[in-house]
C-alpha atoms as a PDB file:
ATOM      1  CA  MET A   1      26.441 -38.513 -31.116  1.00  0.00           C
ATOM      2  CA  THR A   2      23.909 -35.804 -30.344  1.00  0.00           C
ATOM      3  CA  SER A   3      25.386 -32.542 -31.615  1.00  0.00           C
ATOM      4  CA  SER A   4      23.380 -30.363 -29.234  1.00  0.00           C
ATOM      5  CA  VAL A   5      22.928 -30.924 -25.525  1.00  0.00           C
ATOM      6  CA  ARG A   6      21.745 -28.755 -22.679  1.00  0.00           C
ATOM      7  CA  LYS A   7      24.101 -26.111 -21.347  1.00  0.00           C
ATOM      8  CA  TYR A   8      24.209 -24.580 -17.912  1.00  0.00           C
ATOM      9  CA  TYR A   9      25.702 -21.152 -17.231  1.00  0.00           C
ATOM     10  CA  ILE A  10      28.037 -20.832 -14.263  1.00  0.00           C
ATOM     11  CA  ASP A  11      30.397 -17.962 -13.520  1.00  0.00           C
ATOM     12  CA  GLY A  12      29.964 -16.385 -16.943  1.00  0.00           C
ATOM     13  CA  LYS A  13      30.802 -19.600 -18.816  1.00  0.00           C
ATOM     14  CA  PHE A  14      28.824 -22.783 -19.403  1.00  0.00           C
ATOM     15  CA  ILE A  15      28.903 -26.572 -19.264  1.00  0.00           C
ATOM     16  CA  GLY A  16      27.584 -28.370 -22.317  1.00  0.00           C
ATOM     17  CA  ASN A  17      27.066 -28.032 -26.053  1.00  0.00           C
ATOM     18  CA  GLY A  18      30.671 -27.830 -27.186  1.00  0.00           C
ATOM     19  CA  SER A  19      32.446 -26.190 -24.273  1.00  0.00           C
ATOM     20  CA  LEU A  20      34.860 -27.953 -21.914  1.00  0.00           C
ATOM     21  CA  ALA A  21      34.590 -27.447 -18.171  1.00  0.00           C
ATOM     22  CA  VAL A  22      37.080 -28.622 -15.558  1.00  0.00           C
ATOM     23  CA  ILE A  23      36.090 -30.017 -12.170  1.00  0.00           C
ATOM     24  CA  ALA A  24      39.110 -30.554  -9.935  1.00  0.00           C
ATOM     25  CA  GLY A  25      40.234 -30.522  -6.343  1.00  0.00           C
ATOM     26  CA  PRO A  26      41.404 -32.814  -3.558  1.00  0.00           C
ATOM     27  CA  CYS A  27      39.385 -35.912  -2.754  1.00  0.00           C
ATOM     28  CA  SER A  28      38.358 -34.547   0.632  1.00  0.00           C
ATOM     29  CA  LEU A  29      38.493 -31.273   2.519  1.00  0.00           C
ATOM     30  CA  GLU A  30      41.654 -31.919   4.497  1.00  0.00           C
ATOM     31  CA  SER A  31      42.144 -28.288   5.586  1.00  0.00           C
ATOM     32  CA  PRO A  32      40.966 -24.826   4.527  1.00  0.00           C
ATOM     33  CA  GLU A  33      44.520 -23.945   3.507  1.00  0.00           C
ATOM     34  CA  LEU A  34      44.905 -26.939   1.205  1.00  0.00           C
ATOM     35  CA  GLY A  35      41.526 -26.414  -0.443  1.00  0.00           C
ATOM     36  CA  LEU A  36      42.205 -22.727  -1.092  1.00  0.00           C
ATOM     37  CA  ARG A  37      45.677 -23.453  -2.457  1.00  0.00           C
ATOM     38  CA  VAL A  38      44.339 -25.999  -4.950  1.00  0.00           C
ATOM     39  CA  ALA A  39      41.391 -23.813  -5.946  1.00  0.00           C
ATOM     40  CA  LYS A  40      43.527 -20.753  -6.673  1.00  0.00           C
ATOM     41  CA  PHE A  41      46.103 -22.800  -8.589  1.00  0.00           C
ATOM     42  CA  MET A  42      43.495 -24.537 -10.734  1.00  0.00           C
ATOM     43  CA  LYS A  43      41.567 -21.321 -11.377  1.00  0.00           C
ATOM     44  CA  ARG A  44      44.716 -19.711 -12.729  1.00  0.00           C
ATOM     45  CA  LEU A  45      45.410 -22.678 -15.021  1.00  0.00           C
ATOM     46  CA  CYS A  46      41.855 -22.695 -16.335  1.00  0.00           C
ATOM     47  CA  ASP A  47      41.595 -18.925 -16.710  1.00  0.00           C
ATOM     48  CA  GLU A  48      44.751 -18.984 -18.825  1.00  0.00           C
ATOM     49  CA  ARG A  49      43.069 -21.560 -21.082  1.00  0.00           C
ATOM     50  CA  GLY A  50      39.638 -19.962 -21.176  1.00  0.00           C
ATOM     51  CA  LEU A  51      38.009 -22.850 -19.329  1.00  0.00           C
ATOM     52  CA  LEU A  52      35.262 -22.871 -16.727  1.00  0.00           C
ATOM     53  CA  TYR A  53      36.755 -24.197 -13.486  1.00  0.00           C
ATOM     54  CA  ILE A  54      34.741 -25.676 -10.628  1.00  0.00           C
ATOM     55  CA  PHE A  55      36.382 -26.639  -7.333  1.00  0.00           C
ATOM     56  CA  LYS A  56      35.545 -30.088  -5.982  1.00  0.00           C
ATOM     57  CA  ALA A  57      36.108 -31.655  -2.579  1.00  0.00           C
ATOM     58  CA  SER A  58      34.055 -33.842  -0.241  1.00  0.00           C
ATOM     59  CA  PHE A  59      33.064 -32.905   3.298  1.00  0.00           C
ATOM     60  CA  ASP A  60      32.359 -36.557   4.146  1.00  0.00           C
ATOM     61  CA  LYS A  61      33.785 -39.670   2.504  1.00  0.00           C
ATOM     62  CA  ALA A  62      30.973 -41.899   3.704  1.00  0.00           C
ATOM     63  CA  ASN A  63      31.872 -44.823   1.421  1.00  0.00           C
ATOM     64  CA  ARG A  64      35.451 -45.507   2.548  1.00  0.00           C
ATOM     65  CA  THR A  65      36.697 -49.086   2.376  1.00  0.00           C
ATOM     66  CA  SER A  66      37.563 -49.219   6.090  1.00  0.00           C
ATOM     67  CA  VAL A  67      35.576 -47.876   9.031  1.00  0.00           C
ATOM     68  CA  HIS A  68      38.860 -46.417  10.303  1.00  0.00           C
ATOM     69  CA  ALA A  69      39.581 -44.408   7.129  1.00  0.00           C
ATOM     70  CA  TRP A  70      39.555 -40.589   7.040  1.00  0.00           C
ATOM     71  CA  ARG A  71      36.106 -39.235   6.236  1.00  0.00           C
ATOM     72  CA  GLY A  72      36.480 -35.471   6.284  1.00  0.00           C
ATOM     73  CA  PRO A  73      35.443 -32.503   8.448  1.00  0.00           C
ATOM     74  CA  GLY A  74      31.716 -33.262   8.328  1.00  0.00           C
ATOM     75  CA  LEU A  75      28.752 -31.284   7.040  1.00  0.00           C
ATOM     76  CA  GLU A  76      28.892 -28.090   9.104  1.00  0.00           C
ATOM     77  CA  LYS A  77      32.641 -27.476   9.001  1.00  0.00           C
ATOM     78  CA  GLY A  78      32.836 -28.746   5.427  1.00  0.00           C
ATOM     79  CA  LEU A  79      30.253 -26.249   4.190  1.00  0.00           C
ATOM     80  CA  GLU A  80      32.099 -23.476   6.012  1.00  0.00           C
ATOM     81  CA  GLN A  81      35.274 -24.435   4.146  1.00  0.00           C
ATOM     82  CA  LEU A  82      33.511 -24.660   0.796  1.00  0.00           C
ATOM     83  CA  ALA A  83      31.911 -21.245   1.297  1.00  0.00           C
ATOM     84  CA  GLU A  84      35.296 -19.759   2.188  1.00  0.00           C
ATOM     85  CA  ILE A  85      36.974 -21.315  -0.866  1.00  0.00           C
ATOM     86  CA  LYS A  86      34.136 -20.138  -3.105  1.00  0.00           C
ATOM     87  CA  SER A  87      34.498 -16.580  -1.824  1.00  0.00           C
ATOM     88  CA  LYS A  88      38.280 -16.229  -1.527  1.00  0.00           C
ATOM     89  CA  ALA A  89      39.198 -18.067  -4.740  1.00  0.00           C
ATOM     90  CA  ASP A  90      36.171 -16.718  -6.626  1.00  0.00           C
ATOM     91  CA  VAL A  91      35.213 -20.136  -8.001  1.00  0.00           C
ATOM     92  CA  PRO A  92      32.029 -22.219  -8.246  1.00  0.00           C
ATOM     93  CA  VAL A  93      32.077 -25.309  -6.024  1.00  0.00           C
ATOM     94  CA  LEU A  94      30.831 -28.894  -6.194  1.00  0.00           C
ATOM     95  CA  THR A  95      30.471 -31.476  -3.466  1.00  0.00           C
ATOM     96  CA  ASP A  96      28.699 -34.783  -2.976  1.00  0.00           C
ATOM     97  CA  ILE A  97      25.915 -35.794  -0.631  1.00  0.00           C
ATOM     98  CA  HIS A  98      25.168 -39.210   0.828  1.00  0.00           C
ATOM     99  CA  GLU A  99      21.943 -38.603   2.748  1.00  0.00           C
ATOM    100  CA  SER A 100      18.744 -36.825   1.778  1.00  0.00           C
ATOM    101  CA  ASN A 101      18.868 -34.448   4.756  1.00  0.00           C
ATOM    102  CA  GLN A 102      22.204 -33.080   3.514  1.00  0.00           C
ATOM    103  CA  ALA A 103      20.727 -31.783   0.256  1.00  0.00           C
ATOM    104  CA  ALA A 104      19.081 -28.577   1.495  1.00  0.00           C
ATOM    105  CA  PRO A 105      22.035 -27.174   3.473  1.00  0.00           C
ATOM    106  CA  VAL A 106      24.500 -28.188   0.761  1.00  0.00           C
ATOM    107  CA  GLY A 107      22.300 -26.552  -1.866  1.00  0.00           C
ATOM    108  CA  GLU A 108      22.599 -23.241  -0.003  1.00  0.00           C
ATOM    109  CA  VAL A 109      26.376 -23.205  -0.609  1.00  0.00           C
ATOM    110  CA  VAL A 110      27.375 -25.136  -3.713  1.00  0.00           C
ATOM    111  CA  ASP A 111      26.742 -24.635  -7.405  1.00  0.00           C
ATOM    112  CA  ILE A 112      26.583 -28.340  -8.290  1.00  0.00           C
ATOM    113  CA  ILE A 113      25.445 -31.227  -6.085  1.00  0.00           C
ATOM    114  CA  GLN A 114      27.032 -34.551  -6.901  1.00  0.00           C
ATOM    115  CA  ILE A 115      25.354 -37.924  -6.430  1.00  0.00           C
ATOM    116  CA  PRO A 116      27.956 -40.634  -5.697  1.00  0.00           C
ATOM    117  CA  ALA A 117      28.064 -43.575  -8.071  1.00  0.00           C
ATOM    118  CA  PHE A 118      27.051 -46.130  -5.465  1.00  0.00           C
ATOM    119  CA  LEU A 119      23.939 -44.059  -4.702  1.00  0.00           C
ATOM    120  CA  CYS A 120      22.718 -43.096  -8.176  1.00  0.00           C
ATOM    121  CA  ARG A 121      19.626 -45.303  -7.850  1.00  0.00           C
ATOM    122  CA  GLN A 122      18.591 -43.892  -4.451  1.00  0.00           C
ATOM    123  CA  THR A 123      15.291 -42.208  -5.247  1.00  0.00           C
ATOM    124  CA  ASP A 124      14.969 -40.116  -2.079  1.00  0.00           C
ATOM    125  CA  LEU A 125      18.515 -38.787  -2.465  1.00  0.00           C
ATOM    126  CA  LEU A 126      17.982 -37.807  -6.105  1.00  0.00           C
ATOM    127  CA  VAL A 127      14.647 -36.142  -5.345  1.00  0.00           C
ATOM    128  CA  ALA A 128      16.080 -34.189  -2.393  1.00  0.00           C
ATOM    129  CA  ALA A 129      18.999 -32.997  -4.512  1.00  0.00           C
ATOM    130  CA  ALA A 130      16.671 -32.017  -7.347  1.00  0.00           C
ATOM    131  CA  LYS A 131      14.459 -29.947  -5.052  1.00  0.00           C
ATOM    132  CA  THR A 132      17.376 -27.634  -4.222  1.00  0.00           C
ATOM    133  CA  GLY A 133      17.255 -26.313  -7.789  1.00  0.00           C
ATOM    134  CA  ARG A 134      21.000 -26.779  -8.173  1.00  0.00           C
ATOM    135  CA  ILE A 135      22.662 -28.526 -11.098  1.00  0.00           C
ATOM    136  CA  ILE A 136      22.893 -32.251 -10.278  1.00  0.00           C
ATOM    137  CA  ASN A 137      25.901 -34.301 -11.366  1.00  0.00           C
ATOM    138  CA  ILE A 138      24.883 -37.967 -11.275  1.00  0.00           C
ATOM    139  CA  LYS A 139      27.741 -40.423 -11.365  1.00  0.00           C
ATOM    140  CA  LYS A 140      27.014 -43.691 -13.127  1.00  0.00           C
ATOM    141  CA  ALA A 141      27.326 -46.649 -10.792  1.00  0.00           C
ATOM    142  CA  GLN A 142      30.144 -49.099 -11.421  1.00  0.00           C
ATOM    143  CA  PHE A 143      27.500 -51.802 -11.885  1.00  0.00           C
ATOM    144  CA  LEU A 144      25.050 -49.871 -14.064  1.00  0.00           C
ATOM    145  CA  ALA A 145      24.609 -49.870 -17.840  1.00  0.00           C
ATOM    146  CA  PRO A 146      24.897 -46.402 -19.418  1.00  0.00           C
ATOM    147  CA  GLU A 147      21.420 -46.630 -20.936  1.00  0.00           C
ATOM    148  CA  ASP A 148      19.934 -47.110 -17.457  1.00  0.00           C
ATOM    149  CA  MET A 149      21.101 -43.652 -16.381  1.00  0.00           C
ATOM    150  CA  ILE A 150      18.042 -42.232 -18.105  1.00  0.00           C
ATOM    151  CA  TYR A 151      16.000 -43.483 -15.145  1.00  0.00           C
ATOM    152  CA  ALA A 152      18.205 -41.701 -12.614  1.00  0.00           C
ATOM    153  CA  ALA A 153      17.823 -38.508 -14.626  1.00  0.00           C
ATOM    154  CA  ALA A 154      14.053 -39.027 -14.786  1.00  0.00           C
ATOM    155  CA  LYS A 155      13.816 -39.069 -10.981  1.00  0.00           C
ATOM    156  CA  CYS A 156      15.338 -35.578 -10.849  1.00  0.00           C
ATOM    157  CA  ARG A 157      13.265 -34.359 -13.771  1.00  0.00           C
ATOM    158  CA  GLU A 158      10.007 -35.570 -12.256  1.00  0.00           C
ATOM    159  CA  ALA A 159      10.990 -33.838  -9.011  1.00  0.00           C
ATOM    160  CA  GLY A 160      11.051 -30.583 -10.974  1.00  0.00           C
ATOM    161  CA  ASN A 161      14.743 -30.236 -11.890  1.00  0.00           C
ATOM    162  CA  ASP A 162      16.099 -31.095 -15.318  1.00  0.00           C
ATOM    163  CA  ASN A 163      19.511 -29.435 -14.797  1.00  0.00           C
ATOM    164  CA  ILE A 164      21.453 -32.672 -14.945  1.00  0.00           C
ATOM    165  CA  ILE A 165      24.967 -33.823 -15.837  1.00  0.00           C
ATOM    166  CA  LEU A 166      25.754 -37.521 -16.300  1.00  0.00           C
ATOM    167  CA  CYS A 167      29.187 -38.741 -15.272  1.00  0.00           C
ATOM    168  CA  GLU A 168      31.207 -41.801 -16.307  1.00  0.00           C
ATOM    169  CA  ARG A 169      33.651 -43.142 -13.723  1.00  0.00           C
ATOM    170  CA  GLY A 170      34.420 -46.699 -14.794  1.00  0.00           C
ATOM    171  CA  THR A 171      32.677 -50.055 -14.598  1.00  0.00           C
ATOM    172  CA  SER A 172      33.497 -53.000 -12.343  1.00  0.00           C
ATOM    173  CA  MET A 173      35.502 -55.702 -14.112  1.00  0.00           C
ATOM    174  CA  GLY A 174      36.230 -58.418 -11.613  1.00  0.00           C
ATOM    175  CA  TYR A 175      37.740 -57.739  -8.218  1.00  0.00           C
ATOM    176  CA  HIS A 176      39.682 -54.485  -7.618  1.00  0.00           C
ATOM    177  CA  ARG A 177      39.430 -53.537 -11.282  1.00  0.00           C
ATOM    178  CA  LEU A 178      37.546 -50.944 -13.282  1.00  0.00           C
ATOM    179  CA  VAL A 179      37.336 -50.514 -17.036  1.00  0.00           C
ATOM    180  CA  VAL A 180      35.969 -47.595 -19.045  1.00  0.00           C
ATOM    181  CA  ASP A 181      33.533 -48.221 -21.871  1.00  0.00           C
ATOM    182  CA  MET A 182      33.880 -45.027 -23.890  1.00  0.00           C
ATOM    183  CA  THR A 183      30.718 -45.833 -25.828  1.00  0.00           C
ATOM    184  CA  GLY A 184      28.830 -45.157 -22.599  1.00  0.00           C
ATOM    185  CA  LEU A 185      29.662 -41.473 -22.981  1.00  0.00           C
ATOM    186  CA  ILE A 186      27.975 -41.508 -26.369  1.00  0.00           C
ATOM    187  CA  THR A 187      24.927 -43.321 -25.007  1.00  0.00           C
ATOM    188  CA  MET A 188      24.463 -40.919 -22.099  1.00  0.00           C
ATOM    189  CA  ARG A 189      25.044 -37.794 -24.176  1.00  0.00           C
ATOM    190  CA  GLU A 190      22.316 -38.897 -26.579  1.00  0.00           C
ATOM    191  CA  PHE A 191      19.850 -38.305 -23.749  1.00  0.00           C
ATOM    192  CA  GLY A 192      20.522 -34.592 -24.314  1.00  0.00           C
ATOM    193  CA  TYR A 193      22.436 -33.988 -21.089  1.00  0.00           C
ATOM    194  CA  PRO A 194      26.069 -32.877 -20.808  1.00  0.00           C
ATOM    195  CA  VAL A 195      28.457 -35.709 -19.963  1.00  0.00           C
ATOM    196  CA  MET A 196      31.426 -35.602 -17.637  1.00  0.00           C
ATOM    197  CA  PHE A 197      34.376 -37.992 -17.554  1.00  0.00           C
ATOM    198  CA  ASP A 198      35.853 -38.702 -14.137  1.00  0.00           C
ATOM    199  CA  ALA A 199      39.430 -39.532 -15.089  1.00  0.00           C
ATOM    200  CA  THR A 200      40.888 -40.243 -11.662  1.00  0.00           C
ATOM    201  CA  HIS A 201      38.162 -42.445 -10.180  1.00  0.00           C
ATOM    202  CA  SER A 202      38.234 -44.452 -13.407  1.00  0.00           C
ATOM    203  CA  VAL A 203      41.797 -45.555 -12.579  1.00  0.00           C
ATOM    204  CA  GLN A 204      40.925 -46.442  -9.003  1.00  0.00           C
ATOM    205  CA  ARG A 205      41.354 -50.000  -7.740  1.00  0.00           C
ATOM    206  CA  PRO A 206      38.561 -50.291  -5.168  1.00  0.00           C
ATOM    207  CA  GLY A 207      39.807 -51.988  -2.029  1.00  0.00           C
ATOM    208  CA  GLY A 208      43.031 -52.809  -3.835  1.00  0.00           C
ATOM    209  CA  LEU A 209      45.279 -51.915  -0.898  1.00  0.00           C
ATOM    210  CA  GLY A 210      43.526 -54.119   1.608  1.00  0.00           C
ATOM    211  CA  GLY A 211      41.787 -51.583   3.850  1.00  0.00           C
ATOM    212  CA  ALA A 212      41.982 -48.813   1.258  1.00  0.00           C
ATOM    213  CA  SER A 213      41.564 -48.239  -2.460  1.00  0.00           C
ATOM    214  CA  GLY A 214      44.559 -48.184  -4.763  1.00  0.00           C
ATOM    215  CA  GLY A 215      45.011 -46.853  -8.264  1.00  0.00           C
ATOM    216  CA  ASP A 216      47.487 -45.445 -10.777  1.00  0.00           C
ATOM    217  CA  TYR A 217      47.011 -41.765 -11.609  1.00  0.00           C
ATOM    218  CA  ARG A 218      49.268 -42.052 -14.678  1.00  0.00           C
ATOM    219  CA  LEU A 219      46.487 -43.935 -16.465  1.00  0.00           C
ATOM    220  CA  ALA A 220      44.147 -40.957 -16.067  1.00  0.00           C
ATOM    221  CA  PHE A 221      46.046 -39.143 -18.827  1.00  0.00           C
ATOM    222  CA  PRO A 222      45.354 -41.593 -21.701  1.00  0.00           C
ATOM    223  CA  LEU A 223      41.802 -42.238 -20.532  1.00  0.00           C
ATOM    224  CA  ALA A 224      41.005 -38.517 -20.452  1.00  0.00           C
ATOM    225  CA  ARG A 225      42.468 -38.101 -23.933  1.00  0.00           C
ATOM    226  CA  ALA A 226      40.299 -40.951 -25.181  1.00  0.00           C
ATOM    227  CA  ALA A 227      37.190 -39.439 -23.567  1.00  0.00           C
ATOM    228  CA  ALA A 228      37.936 -36.071 -25.192  1.00  0.00           C
ATOM    229  CA  ALA A 229      38.179 -37.804 -28.566  1.00  0.00           C
ATOM    230  CA  VAL A 230      34.761 -39.428 -28.043  1.00  0.00           C
ATOM    231  CA  GLY A 231      33.202 -36.182 -26.855  1.00  0.00           C
ATOM    232  CA  ILE A 232      32.717 -34.791 -23.348  1.00  0.00           C
ATOM    233  CA  ASP A 233      31.446 -31.571 -21.839  1.00  0.00           C
ATOM    234  CA  ALA A 234      33.490 -31.708 -18.642  1.00  0.00           C
ATOM    235  CA  VAL A 235      36.528 -33.500 -17.279  1.00  0.00           C
ATOM    236  CA  PHE A 236      36.812 -34.358 -13.599  1.00  0.00           C
ATOM    237  CA  ALA A 237      40.166 -34.981 -11.909  1.00  0.00           C
ATOM    238  CA  GLU A 238      41.116 -35.130  -8.272  1.00  0.00           C
ATOM    239  CA  THR A 239      44.426 -33.426  -7.564  1.00  0.00           C
ATOM    240  CA  HIS A 240      46.685 -32.765  -4.596  1.00  0.00           C
ATOM    241  CA  PRO A 241      50.050 -31.038  -4.067  1.00  0.00           C
ATOM    242  CA  ASN A 242      51.437 -34.266  -2.589  1.00  0.00           C
ATOM    243  CA  PRO A 243      49.162 -37.264  -3.240  1.00  0.00           C
ATOM    244  CA  LYS A 244      51.363 -39.560  -1.143  1.00  0.00           C
ATOM    245  CA  GLU A 245      50.378 -37.514   1.907  1.00  0.00           C
ATOM    246  CA  ALA A 246      46.691 -37.231   0.978  1.00  0.00           C
ATOM    247  CA  LEU A 247      44.192 -38.515   3.534  1.00  0.00           C
ATOM    248  CA  SER A 248      42.091 -40.295   0.892  1.00  0.00           C
ATOM    249  CA  ASP A 249      42.440 -41.513  -2.714  1.00  0.00           C
ATOM    250  CA  GLY A 250      46.135 -40.624  -2.904  1.00  0.00           C
ATOM    251  CA  PRO A 251      47.188 -43.264  -5.485  1.00  0.00           C
ATOM    252  CA  ASN A 252      44.761 -42.082  -8.153  1.00  0.00           C
ATOM    253  CA  MET A 253      45.039 -38.310  -7.607  1.00  0.00           C
ATOM    254  CA  ILE A 254      47.085 -36.342 -10.129  1.00  0.00           C
ATOM    255  CA  PRO A 255      49.919 -34.312  -8.578  1.00  0.00           C
ATOM    256  CA  LEU A 256      49.001 -30.636  -8.741  1.00  0.00           C
ATOM    257  CA  ASP A 257      52.157 -29.759 -10.660  1.00  0.00           C
ATOM    258  CA  GLN A 258      51.110 -32.142 -13.448  1.00  0.00           C
ATOM    259  CA  MET A 259      47.655 -30.665 -13.956  1.00  0.00           C
ATOM    260  CA  SER A 260      48.800 -28.171 -16.591  1.00  0.00           C
ATOM    261  CA  THR A 261      50.059 -31.035 -18.757  1.00  0.00           C
ATOM    262  CA  PHE A 262      46.868 -32.992 -18.115  1.00  0.00           C
ATOM    263  CA  LEU A 263      44.671 -30.072 -19.179  1.00  0.00           C
ATOM    264  CA  ASP A 264      46.721 -29.274 -22.271  1.00  0.00           C
ATOM    265  CA  GLU A 265      46.493 -32.873 -23.488  1.00  0.00           C
ATOM    266  CA  VAL A 266      42.724 -32.991 -23.016  1.00  0.00           C
ATOM    267  CA  ILE A 267      42.185 -29.558 -24.567  1.00  0.00           C
ATOM    268  CA  ALA A 268      44.267 -30.401 -27.637  1.00  0.00           C
ATOM    269  CA  ILE A 269      42.125 -33.416 -28.485  1.00  0.00           C
ATOM    270  CA  HIS A 270      38.886 -31.667 -27.540  1.00  0.00           C
ATOM    271  CA  GLU A 271      39.696 -28.861 -29.972  1.00  0.00           C
ATOM    272  CA  VAL A 272      40.667 -31.251 -32.783  1.00  0.00           C
ATOM    273  CA  ARG A 273      37.367 -33.070 -32.350  1.00  0.00           C
ATOM    274  CA  LYS A 274      35.388 -29.808 -32.378  1.00  0.00           C
ATOM    275  CA  GLN A 275      37.129 -28.694 -35.557  1.00  0.00           C
ATOM    276  CA  GLY A 276      36.468 -32.047 -37.191  1.00  0.00           C
ATOM    277  CA  LEU A 277      32.785 -31.771 -36.395  1.00  0.00           C
ATOM    278  CA  ALA A 278      32.686 -28.213 -37.729  1.00  0.00           C
ATOM    279  CA  ASP A 279      34.414 -29.247 -40.948  1.00  0.00           C
ATOM    280  CA  SER A 280      31.909 -32.064 -41.507  1.00  0.00           C
ATOM    281  CA  VAL A 281      28.880 -29.769 -41.349  1.00  0.00           C
END
């Protein structure tokens, strides 16, 4: 695996080249109070461990299974909430966009713009995100080979922005099933970009509950440990104080009170891997 990749400084710390960043938050912006509670809790956990923490939540879940599913507060109110969380919790923020015209206003607020997996081949969306100058986290589509992510990155680069993170979130394996090919993390990191592992979407069962997606958050723990052993620059996990009451993605979100255990397990293996690499030099 490439020993040196790009690194991007955020909030006095950085993503890439040996560090470990944490991206976590509820699936969607359910309320300002919930978002702020999660952000403050996660910041404390990460500060105690010396980790860069970035709050994540979506203002619009435009790719829900059912047309009747919760989507979020929308662009205007969502950006207001993200700005408030960023200020009051003193954390960087990340959110996803689904349409090109969302890129500019989102780029005024967030530190990282995320491209959803289903949309990682959408040229206009990637170009619009790139033109904001923000770091772009591109999620690998469930149907895409890891080596093909170089073309998604190239669209941002040729639009003038090479501040890119590539994210693994599982690959379709039959109906309602995802699998994670850990070698994909190696492939994508060899492009020279930091790689992120999305632990909770990787255990999702798309459409598995009929009109909604299912999942099993317990499986996020071993998958994240495996990703840390392979080598990652950031771990992504959706979390909620009470996932059973969450308005979206409840089954695969890690309960907030289990996030300390989750982080400690990932950190332990990340540090062992770093030491092993140092010893081999």
